[in-house]
C-alpha atoms as a PDB file:
ATOM      1  CA  UNK A   1     -87.480-140.206  43.918  1.00  0.00           C
ATOM      2  CA  UNK A   2     -89.836-137.898  41.301  1.00  0.00           C
ATOM      3  CA  UNK A   3     -89.987-135.872  43.608  1.00  0.00           C
ATOM      4  CA  UNK A   4     -86.070-134.594  44.808  1.00  0.00           C
ATOM      5  CA  UNK A   5     -85.592-135.735  40.542  1.00  0.00           C
ATOM      6  CA  UNK A   6     -87.881-132.853  39.651  1.00  0.00           C
ATOM      7  CA  UNK A   7     -86.938-130.514  42.219  1.00  0.00           C
ATOM      8  CA  UNK A   8     -82.370-131.546  40.968  1.00  0.00           C
ATOM      9  CA  UNK A   9     -83.653-130.520  38.216  1.00  0.00           C
ATOM     10  CA  UNK A  10     -85.144-127.557  38.747  1.00  0.00           C
ATOM     11  CA  UNK A  11     -82.211-125.775  41.188  1.00  0.00           C
ATOM     12  CA  UNK A  12     -80.290-127.273  37.822  1.00  0.00           C
ATOM     13  CA  UNK A  13     -82.091-125.353  35.348  1.00  0.00           C
ATOM     14  CA  UNK A  14     -83.116-122.202  37.622  1.00  0.00           C
ATOM     15  CA  UNK A  15     -79.145-121.940  38.674  1.00  0.00           C
ATOM     16  CA  UNK A  16     -78.381-121.620  35.177  1.00  0.00           C
ATOM     17  CA  UNK A  17     -80.757-118.621  34.348  1.00  0.00           C
ATOM     18  CA  UNK A  18     -78.754-116.928  36.989  1.00  0.00           C
ATOM     19  CA  UNK A  19     -75.736-117.073  36.044  1.00  0.00           C
ATOM     20  CA  UNK A  20     -76.842-115.740  32.293  1.00  0.00           C
ATOM     21  CA  UNK A  21     -79.076-113.484  33.299  1.00  0.00           C
ATOM     22  CA  UNK A  22     -78.132-109.386  34.083  1.00  0.00           C
ATOM     23  CA  UNK A  23     -79.853-108.501  36.169  1.00  0.00           C
ATOM     24  CA  UNK A  24     -78.988-111.275  38.796  1.00  0.00           C
ATOM     25  CA  UNK A  25     -80.864-110.167  42.422  1.00  0.00           C
ATOM     26  CA  UNK A  26     -84.075-109.561  39.991  1.00  0.00           C
ATOM     27  CA  UNK A  27     -82.867-113.429  38.657  1.00  0.00           C
ATOM     28  CA  UNK A  28     -82.437-115.356  42.267  1.00  0.00           C
ATOM     29  CA  UNK A  29     -85.928-113.689  43.223  1.00  0.00           C
ATOM     30  CA  UNK A  30     -88.107-115.054  40.546  1.00  0.00           C
ATOM     31  CA  UNK A  31     -85.809-118.026  40.773  1.00  0.00           C
ATOM     32  CA  UNK A  32     -84.125-119.376  42.834  1.00  0.00           C
ATOM     33  CA  UNK A  33     -86.411-117.973  46.342  1.00  0.00           C
ATOM     34  CA  UNK A  34     -89.752-120.158  45.233  1.00  0.00           C
ATOM     35  CA  UNK A  35     -86.938-123.509  45.009  1.00  0.00           C
ATOM     36  CA  UNK A  36     -85.939-122.598  48.013  1.00  0.00           C
ATOM     37  CA  UNK A  37     -89.010-122.475  49.736  1.00  0.00           C
ATOM     38  CA  UNK A  38     -89.827-125.689  48.591  1.00  0.00           C
ATOM     39  CA  UNK A  39     -86.570-127.802  49.802  1.00  0.00           C
ATOM     40  CA  UNK A  40     -87.143-125.587  53.273  1.00  0.00           C
ATOM     41  CA  UNK A  41     -90.821-126.337  53.895  1.00  0.00           C
ATOM     42  CA  UNK A  42     -90.858-129.505  53.237  1.00  0.00           C
ATOM     43  CA  UNK A  43     -87.440-130.146  54.700  1.00  0.00           C
ATOM     44  CA  UNK A  44     -89.046-128.268  58.167  1.00  0.00           C
ATOM     45  CA  UNK A  45     -92.954-130.479  57.368  1.00  0.00           C
ATOM     46  CA  UNK A  46     -91.426-134.204  56.086  1.00  0.00           C
ATOM     47  CA  UNK A  47     -92.562-137.998  57.696  1.00  0.00           C
ATOM     48  CA  UNK A  48     -90.687-139.234  59.979  1.00  0.00           C
ATOM     49  CA  UNK A  49     -90.541-141.672  57.560  1.00  0.00           C
ATOM     50  CA  UNK A  50     -88.261-139.851  56.283  1.00  0.00           C
ATOM     51  CA  UNK A  51     -84.887-140.298  56.543  1.00  0.00           C
ATOM     52  CA  UNK A  52     -83.028-143.288  59.656  1.00  0.00           C
ATOM     53  CA  UNK A  53     -82.683-140.406  62.336  1.00  0.00           C
ATOM     54  CA  UNK A  54     -85.205-138.365  61.559  1.00  0.00           C
ATOM     55  CA  UNK A  55     -88.146-140.426  64.292  1.00  0.00           C
ATOM     56  CA  UNK A  56     -85.391-140.000  66.906  1.00  0.00           C
ATOM     57  CA  UNK A  57     -85.028-135.831  65.971  1.00  0.00           C
ATOM     58  CA  UNK A  58     -88.510-135.422  66.576  1.00  0.00           C
ATOM     59  CA  UNK A  59     -88.978-137.569  69.611  1.00  0.00           C
ATOM     60  CA  UNK A  60     -86.164-135.851  71.670  1.00  0.00           C
ATOM     61  CA  UNK A  61     -87.196-132.945  70.844  1.00  0.00           C
ATOM     62  CA  UNK A  62     -90.148-133.699  72.937  1.00  0.00           C
ATOM     63  CA  UNK A  63     -88.456-134.964  75.925  1.00  0.00           C
ATOM     64  CA  UNK A  64     -85.445-131.899  75.804  1.00  0.00           C
ATOM     65  CA  UNK A  65     -83.191-134.722  74.727  1.00  0.00           C
ATOM     66  CA  UNK A  66     -83.640-136.461  78.419  1.00  0.00           C
ATOM     67  CA  UNK A  67     -82.506-140.062  77.995  1.00  0.00           C
ATOM     68  CA  UNK A  68     -81.252-140.367  74.786  1.00  0.00           C
ATOM     69  CA  UNK A  69     -78.047-142.914  74.795  1.00  0.00           C
ATOM     70  CA  UNK A  70     -75.984-140.627  73.366  1.00  0.00           C
ATOM     71  CA  UNK A  71     -73.881-137.884  73.924  1.00  0.00           C
ATOM     72  CA  UNK A  72     -75.208-134.947  72.455  1.00  0.00           C
ATOM     73  CA  UNK A  73     -73.633-132.002  72.015  1.00  0.00           C
ATOM     74  CA  UNK A  74     -75.079-128.677  74.870  1.00  0.00           C
ATOM     75  CA  UNK A  75     -75.554-125.990  72.327  1.00  0.00           C
ATOM     76  CA  UNK A  76     -77.265-128.104  70.042  1.00  0.00           C
ATOM     77  CA  UNK A  77     -79.456-128.830  72.910  1.00  0.00           C
ATOM     78  CA  UNK A  78     -79.705-125.577  73.307  1.00  0.00           C
ATOM     79  CA  UNK A  79     -81.199-124.232  70.122  1.00  0.00           C
ATOM     80  CA  UNK A  80     -83.680-126.960  69.929  1.00  0.00           C
ATOM     81  CA  UNK A  81     -85.060-126.209  73.462  1.00  0.00           C
ATOM     82  CA  UNK A  82     -85.208-122.674  72.636  1.00  0.00           C
ATOM     83  CA  UNK A  83     -87.213-123.416  69.818  1.00  0.00           C
ATOM     84  CA  UNK A  84     -89.657-126.083  72.039  1.00  0.00           C
ATOM     85  CA  UNK A  85     -89.942-123.341  73.988  1.00  0.00           C
ATOM     86  CA  UNK A  86     -91.083-119.936  71.770  1.00  0.00           C
ATOM     87  CA  UNK A  87     -93.304-122.851  69.348  1.00  0.00           C
ATOM     88  CA  UNK A  88     -92.982-126.374  71.367  1.00  0.00           C
ATOM     89  CA  UNK A  89     -94.187-127.977  67.168  1.00  0.00           C
ATOM     90  CA  UNK A  90     -90.497-129.510  65.709  1.00  0.00           C
ATOM     91  CA  UNK A  91     -91.201-127.939  62.896  1.00  0.00           C
ATOM     92  CA  UNK A  92     -90.276-124.869  63.351  1.00  0.00           C
ATOM     93  CA  UNK A  93     -86.829-126.222  64.665  1.00  0.00           C
ATOM     94  CA  UNK A  94     -86.323-127.976  61.423  1.00  0.00           C
ATOM     95  CA  UNK A  95     -87.106-124.763  59.756  1.00  0.00           C
ATOM     96  CA  UNK A  96     -84.682-123.466  61.023  1.00  0.00           C
ATOM     97  CA  UNK A  97     -82.516-125.991  59.694  1.00  0.00           C
ATOM     98  CA  UNK A  98     -83.162-125.996  56.393  1.00  0.00           C
ATOM     99  CA  UNK A  99     -83.262-122.730  56.749  1.00  0.00           C
ATOM    100  CA  UNK A 100     -79.729-122.608  58.023  1.00  0.00           C
ATOM    101  CA  UNK A 101     -78.327-124.665  55.164  1.00  0.00           C
ATOM    102  CA  UNK A 102     -79.833-123.147  52.611  1.00  0.00           C
ATOM    103  CA  UNK A 103     -78.454-119.255  53.640  1.00  0.00           C
ATOM    104  CA  UNK A 104     -75.088-120.832  54.727  1.00  0.00           C
ATOM    105  CA  UNK A 105     -74.863-122.102  50.579  1.00  0.00           C
ATOM    106  CA  UNK A 106     -75.849-118.875  49.582  1.00  0.00           C
ATOM    107  CA  UNK A 107     -72.742-117.557  51.375  1.00  0.00           C
ATOM    108  CA  UNK A 108     -69.851-119.637  50.334  1.00  0.00           C
ATOM    109  CA  UNK A 109     -71.126-119.045  47.043  1.00  0.00           C
ATOM    110  CA  UNK A 110     -70.647-116.643  44.499  1.00  0.00           C
ATOM    111  CA  UNK A 111     -72.958-114.846  41.961  1.00  0.00           C
ATOM    112  CA  UNK A 112     -71.349-116.516  39.463  1.00  0.00           C
ATOM    113  CA  UNK A 113     -71.269-120.053  40.934  1.00  0.00           C
ATOM    114  CA  UNK A 114     -74.845-121.195  41.508  1.00  0.00           C
ATOM    115  CA  UNK A 115     -74.960-122.870  38.788  1.00  0.00           C
ATOM    116  CA  UNK A 116     -72.819-125.649  40.236  1.00  0.00           C
ATOM    117  CA  UNK A 117     -73.196-124.506  44.441  1.00  0.00           C
ATOM    118  CA  UNK A 118     -76.971-124.919  44.924  1.00  0.00           C
ATOM    119  CA  UNK A 119     -77.150-128.494  42.926  1.00  0.00           C
ATOM    120  CA  UNK A 120     -74.247-129.383  44.711  1.00  0.00           C
ATOM    121  CA  UNK A 121     -75.273-128.612  47.838  1.00  0.00           C
ATOM    122  CA  UNK A 122     -78.748-129.827  47.806  1.00  0.00           C
ATOM    123  CA  UNK A 123     -77.413-133.376  46.721  1.00  0.00           C
ATOM    124  CA  UNK A 124     -74.275-133.499  49.164  1.00  0.00           C
ATOM    125  CA  UNK A 125     -75.951-131.459  52.120  1.00  0.00           C
ATOM    126  CA  UNK A 126     -79.798-130.888  51.967  1.00  0.00           C
ATOM    127  CA  UNK A 127     -80.384-134.904  50.458  1.00  0.00           C
ATOM    128  CA  UNK A 128     -77.739-135.989  53.411  1.00  0.00           C
ATOM    129  CA  UNK A 129     -79.953-133.798  56.334  1.00  0.00           C
ATOM    130  CA  UNK A 130     -82.781-135.475  55.593  1.00  0.00           C
ATOM    131  CA  UNK A 131     -80.780-137.954  57.803  1.00  0.00           C
ATOM    132  CA  UNK A 132     -78.581-136.792  59.712  1.00  0.00           C
ATOM    133  CA  UNK A 133     -79.777-132.899  59.566  1.00  0.00           C
ATOM    134  CA  UNK A 134     -77.657-132.064  62.933  1.00  0.00           C
ATOM    135  CA  UNK A 135     -74.477-133.458  61.032  1.00  0.00           C
ATOM    136  CA  UNK A 136     -75.125-131.385  57.406  1.00  0.00           C
ATOM    137  CA  UNK A 137     -76.761-127.623  60.150  1.00  0.00           C
ATOM    138  CA  UNK A 138     -72.903-127.676  61.564  1.00  0.00           C
ATOM    139  CA  UNK A 139     -70.664-128.291  58.389  1.00  0.00           C
ATOM    140  CA  UNK A 140     -72.967-126.219  56.325  1.00  0.00           C
ATOM    141  CA  UNK A 141     -71.938-123.218  59.183  1.00  0.00           C
ATOM    142  CA  UNK A 142     -68.523-124.935  59.344  1.00  0.00           C
ATOM    143  CA  UNK A 143     -68.370-123.938  55.543  1.00  0.00           C
ATOM    144  CA  UNK A 144     -69.023-120.678  55.746  1.00  0.00           C
ATOM    145  CA  UNK A 145     -66.070-119.832  58.804  1.00  0.00           C
ATOM    146  CA  UNK A 146     -63.908-121.844  56.956  1.00  0.00           C
ATOM    147  CA  UNK A 147     -64.629-120.067  52.939  1.00  0.00           C
ATOM    148  CA  UNK A 148     -66.478-117.260  53.476  1.00  0.00           C
ATOM    149  CA  UNK A 149     -63.171-114.587  54.081  1.00  0.00           C
ATOM    150  CA  UNK A 150     -61.165-114.555  51.717  1.00  0.00           C
ATOM    151  CA  UNK A 151     -58.320-113.561  54.100  1.00  0.00           C
ATOM    152  CA  UNK A 152     -57.938-115.720  57.086  1.00  0.00           C
ATOM    153  CA  UNK A 153     -59.581-113.747  60.423  1.00  0.00           C
ATOM    154  CA  UNK A 154     -59.122-114.299  64.175  1.00  0.00           C
ATOM    155  CA  UNK A 155     -61.858-115.029  65.251  1.00  0.00           C
ATOM    156  CA  UNK A 156     -62.220-118.395  62.751  1.00  0.00           C
ATOM    157  CA  UNK A 157     -61.010-120.751  64.781  1.00  0.00           C
ATOM    158  CA  UNK A 158     -63.183-119.860  67.872  1.00  0.00           C
ATOM    159  CA  UNK A 159     -66.430-119.750  66.134  1.00  0.00           C
ATOM    160  CA  UNK A 160     -65.286-123.549  64.765  1.00  0.00           C
ATOM    161  CA  UNK A 161     -64.939-124.210  68.652  1.00  0.00           C
ATOM    162  CA  UNK A 162     -68.353-123.504  69.383  1.00  0.00           C
ATOM    163  CA  UNK A 163     -68.927-126.200  66.381  1.00  0.00           C
ATOM    164  CA  UNK A 164     -67.854-128.343  68.668  1.00  0.00           C
ATOM    165  CA  UNK A 165     -70.308-128.554  71.125  1.00  0.00           C
ATOM    166  CA  UNK A 166     -72.914-128.398  67.552  1.00  0.00           C
ATOM    167  CA  UNK A 167     -71.055-131.503  67.107  1.00  0.00           C
ATOM    168  CA  UNK A 168     -68.370-133.080  67.778  1.00  0.00           C
ATOM    169  CA  UNK A 169     -66.709-133.760  64.263  1.00  0.00           C
ATOM    170  CA  UNK A 170     -66.486-130.248  64.363  1.00  0.00           C
ATOM    171  CA  UNK A 171     -62.922-131.292  65.559  1.00  0.00           C
ATOM    172  CA  UNK A 172     -61.804-132.540  62.835  1.00  0.00           C
ATOM    173  CA  UNK A 173     -62.146-129.340  61.334  1.00  0.00           C
ATOM    174  CA  UNK A 174     -60.725-127.150  63.605  1.00  0.00           C
ATOM    175  CA  UNK A 175     -57.213-129.361  62.831  1.00  0.00           C
ATOM    176  CA  UNK A 176     -57.530-128.987  59.546  1.00  0.00           C
ATOM    177  CA  UNK A 177     -58.119-125.516  59.376  1.00  0.00           C
ATOM    178  CA  UNK A 178     -54.818-124.738  62.550  1.00  0.00           C
ATOM    179  CA  UNK A 179     -52.442-127.080  60.258  1.00  0.00           C
ATOM    180  CA  UNK A 180     -54.196-125.031  57.071  1.00  0.00           C
ATOM    181  CA  UNK A 181     -52.754-121.620  59.208  1.00  0.00           C
ATOM    182  CA  UNK A 182     -49.095-122.935  59.747  1.00  0.00           C
ATOM    183  CA  UNK A 183     -48.797-124.831  57.280  1.00  0.00           C
ATOM    184  CA  UNK A 184     -46.957-123.371  53.603  1.00  0.00           C
ATOM    185  CA  UNK A 185     -46.245-126.623  51.524  1.00  0.00           C
ATOM    186  CA  UNK A 186     -46.700-125.835  47.311  1.00  0.00           C
ATOM    187  CA  UNK A 187     -49.168-127.757  45.195  1.00  0.00           C
ATOM    188  CA  UNK A 188     -46.958-129.142  43.958  1.00  0.00           C
ATOM    189  CA  UNK A 189     -45.924-131.214  47.556  1.00  0.00           C
ATOM    190  CA  UNK A 190     -49.205-131.691  47.745  1.00  0.00           C
ATOM    191  CA  UNK A 191     -50.272-133.763  44.343  1.00  0.00           C
ATOM    192  CA  UNK A 192     -47.223-136.018  45.426  1.00  0.00           C
ATOM    193  CA  UNK A 193     -48.151-136.351  49.472  1.00  0.00           C
ATOM    194  CA  UNK A 194     -52.178-137.188  47.100  1.00  0.00           C
ATOM    195  CA  UNK A 195     -50.619-140.442  45.304  1.00  0.00           C
ATOM    196  CA  UNK A 196     -48.738-140.808  48.631  1.00  0.00           C
ATOM    197  CA  UNK A 197     -51.701-141.800  50.435  1.00  0.00           C
ATOM    198  CA  UNK A 198     -52.791-143.621  48.081  1.00  0.00           C
ATOM    199  CA  UNK A 199     -49.805-146.149  47.862  1.00  0.00           C
ATOM    200  CA  UNK A 200     -50.079-145.929  51.526  1.00  0.00           C
ATOM    201  CA  UNK A 201     -54.011-146.588  52.136  1.00  0.00           C
ATOM    202  CA  UNK A 202     -53.735-149.462  49.117  1.00  0.00           C
ATOM    203  CA  UNK A 203     -50.825-151.979  50.289  1.00  0.00           C
ATOM    204  CA  UNK A 204     -50.774-151.423  53.240  1.00  0.00           C
ATOM    205  CA  UNK A 205     -48.694-149.234  54.657  1.00  0.00           C
ATOM    206  CA  UNK A 206     -51.409-146.665  57.036  1.00  0.00           C
ATOM    207  CA  UNK A 207     -52.333-148.768  58.520  1.00  0.00           C
ATOM    208  CA  UNK A 208     -49.057-150.512  60.009  1.00  0.00           C
ATOM    209  CA  UNK A 209     -49.018-146.967  61.173  1.00  0.00           C
ATOM    210  CA  UNK A 210     -51.879-146.283  62.327  1.00  0.00           C
ATOM    211  CA  UNK A 211     -52.198-149.528  64.567  1.00  0.00           C
ATOM    212  CA  UNK A 212     -48.656-148.959  66.062  1.00  0.00           C
ATOM    213  CA  UNK A 213     -50.139-145.400  67.268  1.00  0.00           C
ATOM    214  CA  UNK A 214     -53.222-146.769  68.232  1.00  0.00           C
ATOM    215  CA  UNK A 215     -51.314-149.770  70.184  1.00  0.00           C
ATOM    216  CA  UNK A 216     -49.081-147.483  72.525  1.00  0.00           C
ATOM    217  CA  UNK A 217     -52.343-145.833  73.631  1.00  0.00           C
ATOM    218  CA  UNK A 218     -55.795-147.292  75.895  1.00  0.00           C
ATOM    219  CA  UNK A 219     -57.498-147.700  73.069  1.00  0.00           C
ATOM    220  CA  UNK A 220     -56.491-150.761  71.235  1.00  0.00           C
ATOM    221  CA  UNK A 221     -59.208-153.164  72.400  1.00  0.00           C
ATOM    222  CA  UNK A 222     -61.424-151.072  70.956  1.00  0.00           C
ATOM    223  CA  UNK A 223     -59.803-151.809  67.191  1.00  0.00           C
ATOM    224  CA  UNK A 224     -59.982-154.973  66.717  1.00  0.00           C
ATOM    225  CA  UNK A 225     -62.361-155.035  63.502  1.00  0.00           C
ATOM    226  CA  UNK A 226     -60.049-152.315  62.100  1.00  0.00           C
ATOM    227  CA  UNK A 227     -57.702-155.776  62.196  1.00  0.00           C
ATOM    228  CA  UNK A 228     -60.641-157.664  60.565  1.00  0.00           C
ATOM    229  CA  UNK A 229     -61.290-154.843  57.501  1.00  0.00           C
ATOM    230  CA  UNK A 230     -57.876-154.176  56.975  1.00  0.00           C
ATOM    231  CA  UNK A 231     -56.828-157.445  55.776  1.00  0.00           C
ATOM    232  CA  UNK A 232     -59.105-157.259  52.285  1.00  0.00           C
ATOM    233  CA  UNK A 233     -57.971-156.730  49.831  1.00  0.00           C
ATOM    234  CA  UNK A 234     -59.219-152.813  48.229  1.00  0.00           C
ATOM    235  CA  UNK A 235     -61.047-152.517  44.243  1.00  0.00           C
ATOM    236  CA  UNK A 236     -62.122-150.014  43.312  1.00  0.00           C
ATOM    237  CA  UNK A 237     -64.364-149.043  40.215  1.00  0.00           C
ATOM    238  CA  UNK A 238     -63.990-146.991  37.600  1.00  0.00           C
ATOM    239  CA  UNK A 239     -66.111-144.449  39.200  1.00  0.00           C
ATOM    240  CA  UNK A 240     -63.654-144.706  42.447  1.00  0.00           C
ATOM    241  CA  UNK A 241     -61.451-143.418  39.906  1.00  0.00           C
ATOM    242  CA  UNK A 242     -63.191-141.190  38.005  1.00  0.00           C
ATOM    243  CA  UNK A 243     -64.146-139.066  41.446  1.00  0.00           C
ATOM    244  CA  UNK A 244     -60.271-138.808  42.730  1.00  0.00           C
ATOM    245  CA  UNK A 245     -59.575-137.742  39.378  1.00  0.00           C
ATOM    246  CA  UNK A 246     -61.885-135.004  39.769  1.00  0.00           C
ATOM    247  CA  UNK A 247     -60.324-134.000  43.337  1.00  0.00           C
ATOM    248  CA  UNK A 248     -56.390-134.036  42.025  1.00  0.00           C
ATOM    249  CA  UNK A 249     -57.996-131.610  39.008  1.00  0.00           C
ATOM    250  CA  UNK A 250     -58.521-129.130  41.594  1.00  0.00           C
ATOM    251  CA  UNK A 251     -55.691-128.332  43.255  1.00  0.00           C
ATOM    252  CA  UNK A 252     -54.995-126.359  39.477  1.00  0.00           C
ATOM    253  CA  UNK A 253     -57.522-123.990  41.099  1.00  0.00           C
ATOM    254  CA  UNK A 254     -55.792-123.675  44.575  1.00  0.00           C
ATOM    255  CA  UNK A 255     -52.633-121.878  43.585  1.00  0.00           C
ATOM    256  CA  UNK A 256     -52.197-117.800  44.764  1.00  0.00           C
ATOM    257  CA  UNK A 257     -54.677-118.067  46.774  1.00  0.00           C
ATOM    258  CA  UNK A 258     -54.122-116.508  50.785  1.00  0.00           C
ATOM    259  CA  UNK A 259     -56.027-120.227  52.139  1.00  0.00           C
ATOM    260  CA  UNK A 260     -54.549-121.870  49.494  1.00  0.00           C
ATOM    261  CA  UNK A 261     -53.416-124.514  51.994  1.00  0.00           C
ATOM    262  CA  UNK A 262     -56.274-124.855  53.305  1.00  0.00           C
ATOM    263  CA  UNK A 263     -58.116-125.481  49.795  1.00  0.00           C
ATOM    264  CA  UNK A 264     -55.396-128.089  49.559  1.00  0.00           C
ATOM    265  CA  UNK A 265     -56.108-129.426  52.793  1.00  0.00           C
ATOM    266  CA  UNK A 266     -59.224-129.925  52.089  1.00  0.00           C
ATOM    267  CA  UNK A 267     -59.620-131.870  48.863  1.00  0.00           C
ATOM    268  CA  UNK A 268     -56.732-134.260  50.606  1.00  0.00           C
ATOM    269  CA  UNK A 269     -58.893-134.635  53.299  1.00  0.00           C
ATOM    270  CA  UNK A 270     -62.401-135.399  50.862  1.00  0.00           C
ATOM    271  CA  UNK A 271     -59.715-137.773  48.802  1.00  0.00           C
ATOM    272  CA  UNK A 272     -58.776-139.406  52.278  1.00  0.00           C
ATOM    273  CA  UNK A 273     -62.026-140.167  53.511  1.00  0.00           C
ATOM    274  CA  UNK A 274     -63.348-141.659  50.337  1.00  0.00           C
ATOM    275  CA  UNK A 275     -60.128-143.965  49.925  1.00  0.00           C
ATOM    276  CA  UNK A 276     -60.014-144.966  53.551  1.00  0.00           C
ATOM    277  CA  UNK A 277     -64.348-145.206  53.153  1.00  0.00           C
ATOM    278  CA  UNK A 278     -64.028-148.062  50.482  1.00  0.00           C
ATOM    279  CA  UNK A 279     -61.712-150.071  53.252  1.00  0.00           C
ATOM    280  CA  UNK A 280     -64.003-149.901  56.229  1.00  0.00           C
ATOM    281  CA  UNK A 281     -67.788-148.735  55.976  1.00  0.00           C
ATOM    282  CA  UNK A 282     -68.558-148.007  59.469  1.00  0.00           C
ATOM    283  CA  UNK A 283     -66.345-144.559  58.611  1.00  0.00           C
ATOM    284  CA  UNK A 284     -69.256-143.416  55.518  1.00  0.00           C
ATOM    285  CA  UNK A 285     -70.060-140.651  58.106  1.00  0.00           C
ATOM    286  CA  UNK A 286     -66.789-138.732  58.206  1.00  0.00           C
ATOM    287  CA  UNK A 287     -67.260-139.037  54.359  1.00  0.00           C
ATOM    288  CA  UNK A 288     -70.457-137.164  54.665  1.00  0.00           C
ATOM    289  CA  UNK A 289     -68.103-134.955  56.737  1.00  0.00           C
ATOM    290  CA  UNK A 290     -65.831-134.094  53.724  1.00  0.00           C
ATOM    291  CA  UNK A 291     -67.448-134.209  50.919  1.00  0.00           C
ATOM    292  CA  UNK A 292     -69.587-131.325  50.787  1.00  0.00           C
ATOM    293  CA  UNK A 293     -66.155-129.688  51.231  1.00  0.00           C
ATOM    294  CA  UNK A 294     -66.032-129.551  47.061  1.00  0.00           C
ATOM    295  CA  UNK A 295     -68.585-127.079  47.385  1.00  0.00           C
ATOM    296  CA  UNK A 296     -65.827-124.039  47.908  1.00  0.00           C
ATOM    297  CA  UNK A 297     -63.713-125.230  45.744  1.00  0.00           C
ATOM    298  CA  UNK A 298     -65.988-125.700  43.083  1.00  0.00           C
ATOM    299  CA  UNK A 299     -66.457-121.999  43.275  1.00  0.00           C
ATOM    300  CA  UNK A 300     -62.845-121.030  42.627  1.00  0.00           C
ATOM    301  CA  UNK A 301     -63.214-123.221  39.287  1.00  0.00           C
ATOM    302  CA  UNK A 302     -65.673-121.043  38.307  1.00  0.00           C
ATOM    303  CA  UNK A 303     -64.722-117.485  39.121  1.00  0.00           C
ATOM    304  CA  UNK A 304     -61.710-118.800  36.885  1.00  0.00           C
ATOM    305  CA  UNK A 305     -64.530-119.216  34.139  1.00  0.00           C
ATOM    306  CA  UNK A 306     -65.829-115.907  35.026  1.00  0.00           C
ATOM    307  CA  UNK A 307     -62.395-114.146  34.245  1.00  0.00           C
ATOM    308  CA  UNK A 308     -60.824-116.352  32.181  1.00  0.00           C
ATOM    309  CA  UNK A 309     -63.198-118.002  29.782  1.00  0.00           C
ATOM    310  CA  UNK A 310     -60.723-121.177  28.819  1.00  0.00           C
ATOM    311  CA  UNK A 311     -62.814-123.779  27.250  1.00  0.00           C
ATOM    312  CA  UNK A 312     -60.760-126.528  30.023  1.00  0.00           C
ATOM    313  CA  UNK A 313     -62.103-124.683  32.482  1.00  0.00           C
ATOM    314  CA  UNK A 314     -66.217-124.978  31.385  1.00  0.00           C
ATOM    315  CA  UNK A 315     -65.688-128.327  30.592  1.00  0.00           C
ATOM    316  CA  UNK A 316     -64.103-129.433  33.680  1.00  0.00           C
ATOM    317  CA  UNK A 317     -66.684-127.788  35.670  1.00  0.00           C
ATOM    318  CA  UNK A 318     -69.642-129.165  33.425  1.00  0.00           C
ATOM    319  CA  UNK A 319     -67.820-132.841  33.913  1.00  0.00           C
ATOM    320  CA  UNK A 320     -68.306-132.078  37.366  1.00  0.00           C
ATOM    321  CA  UNK A 321     -71.998-131.336  37.704  1.00  0.00           C
ATOM    322  CA  UNK A 322     -72.688-134.226  35.681  1.00  0.00           C
ATOM    323  CA  UNK A 323     -70.443-137.113  37.821  1.00  0.00           C
ATOM    324  CA  UNK A 324     -72.197-135.969  40.886  1.00  0.00           C
ATOM    325  CA  UNK A 325     -75.525-135.673  39.039  1.00  0.00           C
ATOM    326  CA  UNK A 326     -75.185-139.109  38.080  1.00  0.00           C
ATOM    327  CA  UNK A 327     -74.528-140.217  41.706  1.00  0.00           C
ATOM    328  CA  UNK A 328     -77.003-138.553  42.925  1.00  0.00           C
ATOM    329  CA  UNK A 329     -79.418-140.567  40.379  1.00  0.00           C
ATOM    330  CA  UNK A 330     -77.141-144.120  41.361  1.00  0.00           C
ATOM    331  CA  UNK A 331     -77.458-142.834  45.662  1.00  0.00           C
ATOM    332  CA  UNK A 332     -81.981-142.907  44.415  1.00  0.00           C
ATOM    333  CA  UNK A 333     -82.090-145.432  43.033  1.00  0.00           C
ATOM    334  CA  UNK A 334     -79.933-147.300  45.957  1.00  0.00           C
ATOM    335  CA  UNK A 335     -82.409-145.980  48.883  1.00  0.00           C
ATOM    336  CA  UNK A 336     -79.174-144.579  50.599  1.00  0.00           C
ATOM    337  CA  UNK A 337     -80.787-143.357  54.177  1.00  0.00           C
ATOM    338  CA  UNK A 338     -84.136-144.464  53.138  1.00  0.00           C
ATOM    339  CA  UNK A 339     -85.316-140.472  52.678  1.00  0.00           C
ATOM    340  CA  UNK A 340     -87.464-141.924  49.744  1.00  0.00           C
ATOM    341  CA  UNK A 341     -90.680-142.160  48.998  1.00  0.00           C
ATOM    342  CA  UNK A 342     -90.674-138.542  50.674  1.00  0.00           C
ATOM    343  CA  UNK A 343     -94.196-137.950  52.673  1.00  0.00           C
ATOM    344  CA  UNK A 344     -94.881-135.033  54.479  1.00  0.00           C
ATOM    345  CA  UNK A 345     -96.491-134.668  57.840  1.00  0.00           C
ATOM    346  CA  UNK A 346     -99.894-135.726  58.814  1.00  0.00           C
ATOM    347  CA  UNK A 347    -101.622-133.020  60.614  1.00  0.00           C
END
């Protein structure tokens, strides 16, 4: 646990130095790159015991994913087999995945947002990637496709579809992108939808609509456990409401953007997935999938701080960073995804 906290503290310190430094490029090279190098090296040379799925990734890398019990997407298999053919060792493939995660963090961030984006990326992408690395590898690329450009690009949808061949959950982002392109809804309506979704999920209306739809499909037999979970009364902690308050406040930074609907739909997706996982814990992967979208959202906050220098924006930014830092420590204490203790590969 101490090793993760130490790296995270270094990320906080170095990214703050980068924010206040006038020579930002020199600061990045002298401060951020060393700690990033440590992260990439640790990701690649971690022991198979670090992360619940690491042993599976290592095992099937050498088996070319033959005999894997589940469906593995062909593009991911192709990339894995390419590194197996070229280097023969899984560590090079793992190093490549970690490198992509870091590069994507740079691409979705901005110079004035490093002090928030990199710590959040460490919490929401890097550490979960020690376990669900295929999903995190794919999400990192998707975030760039969705949020790197200020305007919609003609090939964005094409690249999102390609990502489905790395991890099938990418289809959620295809839908998110498609609806964001065709929808024209104001921020006020999004705030109302936010409240409406809370009410419908909390009081079971959402479940009834979902089940009525699924009952018309061939998959109704698979949803018995949904009925069981849905019958339980939802209880929320203060921390749940604090996080949802953060999501709700983010709507204040998305107006007047060409991609405002994309950002607003992302906020709704983070909220709905987080709310649903409270009732259906087996949907935790869905929450992991949506949670990193707060990184580009916080970039908007930092950009507004750089332009307007408002105290309330600075307080909000610091509050978000503090909240996620405390949540990170709590997850480490719970031993989430068996990433503790960290061990290096025995060579």
